[in-house]
Amino acid sequence: MVNKKSTDTIYNMILDKNKKYLITGGTGFLGKELVNYLVPKGYKIRVLCRDEAKLVYLKEEYPQCSSRLGPQG
């Protein structure tokens, strides 16, 4: 199990809240966890994914998150 406090410290050391970050596969298993963790903490992110239906969910859940539909596989 990951210590939540140490995870917060690592993200704060690595990421700058004044920048925007691209999460590819942001609606997949790992990408969704990153989105769920970073957006509520105030990080600006853009998500790239291939499934338009999943983008609809993401936009409803996090309207402040920008997103783009990528090329179909």
Protein backbone atom coordinates (compact mmCIF):
# COMPACT_ATOMS: atom_id res chain seq x y z
CA MET A 1 0.00 0.00 0.00
CA VAL A 2 1.26 3.46 -0.93
CA ASN A 3 1.57 6.08 1.78
CA LYS A 4 -0.79 8.92 0.72
CA LYS A 5 1.36 11.61 2.35
CA SER A 6 4.52 10.50 0.56
CA THR A 7 2.63 10.42 -2.75
CA ASP A 8 1.45 14.00 -2.19
CA THR A 9 5.03 15.06 -1.43
CA ILE A 10 6.35 13.43 -4.60
CA TYR A 11 3.74 15.12 -6.79
CA ASN A 12 4.37 18.49 -5.17
CA MET A 13 8.12 18.16 -5.80
CA ILE A 14 7.73 17.10 -9.44
CA LEU A 15 4.68 18.97 -10.73
CA ASP A 16 4.13 22.71 -11.04
CA LYS A 17 0.51 23.86 -10.69
CA ASN A 18 1.22 26.75 -13.08
CA LYS A 19 1.77 24.35 -15.99
CA LYS A 20 -0.67 22.19 -17.94
CA TYR A 21 0.00 18.46 -18.21
CA LEU A 22 -1.05 16.02 -20.94
CA ILE A 23 -2.30 12.63 -19.80
CA THR A 24 -2.51 10.21 -22.69
CA GLY A 25 -5.00 7.44 -22.09
CA GLY A 26 -6.65 9.58 -19.44
CA THR A 27 -9.81 7.46 -19.47
CA GLY A 28 -7.96 4.18 -19.04
CA PHE A 29 -7.15 2.48 -15.74
CA LEU A 30 -3.98 4.37 -14.79
CA GLY A 31 -4.84 7.58 -16.59
CA LYS A 32 -8.19 7.83 -14.82
CA GLU A 33 -6.45 7.43 -11.45
CA LEU A 34 -4.10 10.29 -12.33
CA VAL A 35 -7.01 12.49 -13.39
CA ASN A 36 -8.96 11.64 -10.23
CA TYR A 37 -5.93 12.52 -8.11
CA LEU A 38 -4.60 15.63 -9.85
CA VAL A 39 -7.68 17.61 -10.92
CA PRO A 40 -9.21 17.98 -7.43
CA LYS A 41 -5.82 19.21 -6.19
CA GLY A 42 -5.85 22.05 -8.72
CA TYR A 43 -3.47 20.73 -11.37
CA LYS A 44 -4.34 21.73 -14.94
CA ILE A 45 -4.48 18.76 -17.25
CA ARG A 46 -5.44 17.88 -20.79
CA VAL A 47 -6.56 14.35 -21.55
CA LEU A 48 -6.05 12.51 -24.83
CA CYS A 49 -8.09 9.39 -25.48
CA ARG A 50 -9.59 7.41 -28.35
CA ASP A 51 -13.09 6.72 -27.02
CA GLU A 52 -15.53 9.61 -27.42
CA ALA A 53 -18.04 8.08 -24.97
CA LYS A 54 -15.40 8.09 -22.24
CA LEU A 55 -14.60 11.73 -22.98
CA VAL A 56 -18.23 12.63 -22.34
CA TYR A 57 -17.99 11.10 -18.86
CA LEU A 58 -14.72 12.89 -18.19
CA LYS A 59 -16.14 16.26 -19.23
CA GLU A 60 -19.18 15.74 -16.99
CA GLU A 61 -17.02 14.72 -14.01
CA TYR A 62 -14.32 17.37 -14.50
CA PRO A 63 -15.57 20.28 -16.65
CA GLN A 64 -12.36 22.21 -15.92
CA CYS A 65 -10.30 19.47 -17.60
CA SER A 66 -9.64 19.98 -21.30
CA SER A 67 -9.67 16.94 -23.55
CA ARG A 68 -9.02 15.83 -27.11
CA LEU A 69 -10.09 12.82 -29.08
CA GLY A 70 -7.03 11.06 -30.46
CA PRO A 71 -6.64 8.85 -33.53
CA GLN A 72 -8.64 5.64 -33.59
CA GLY A 73 -6.48 2.55 -33.12
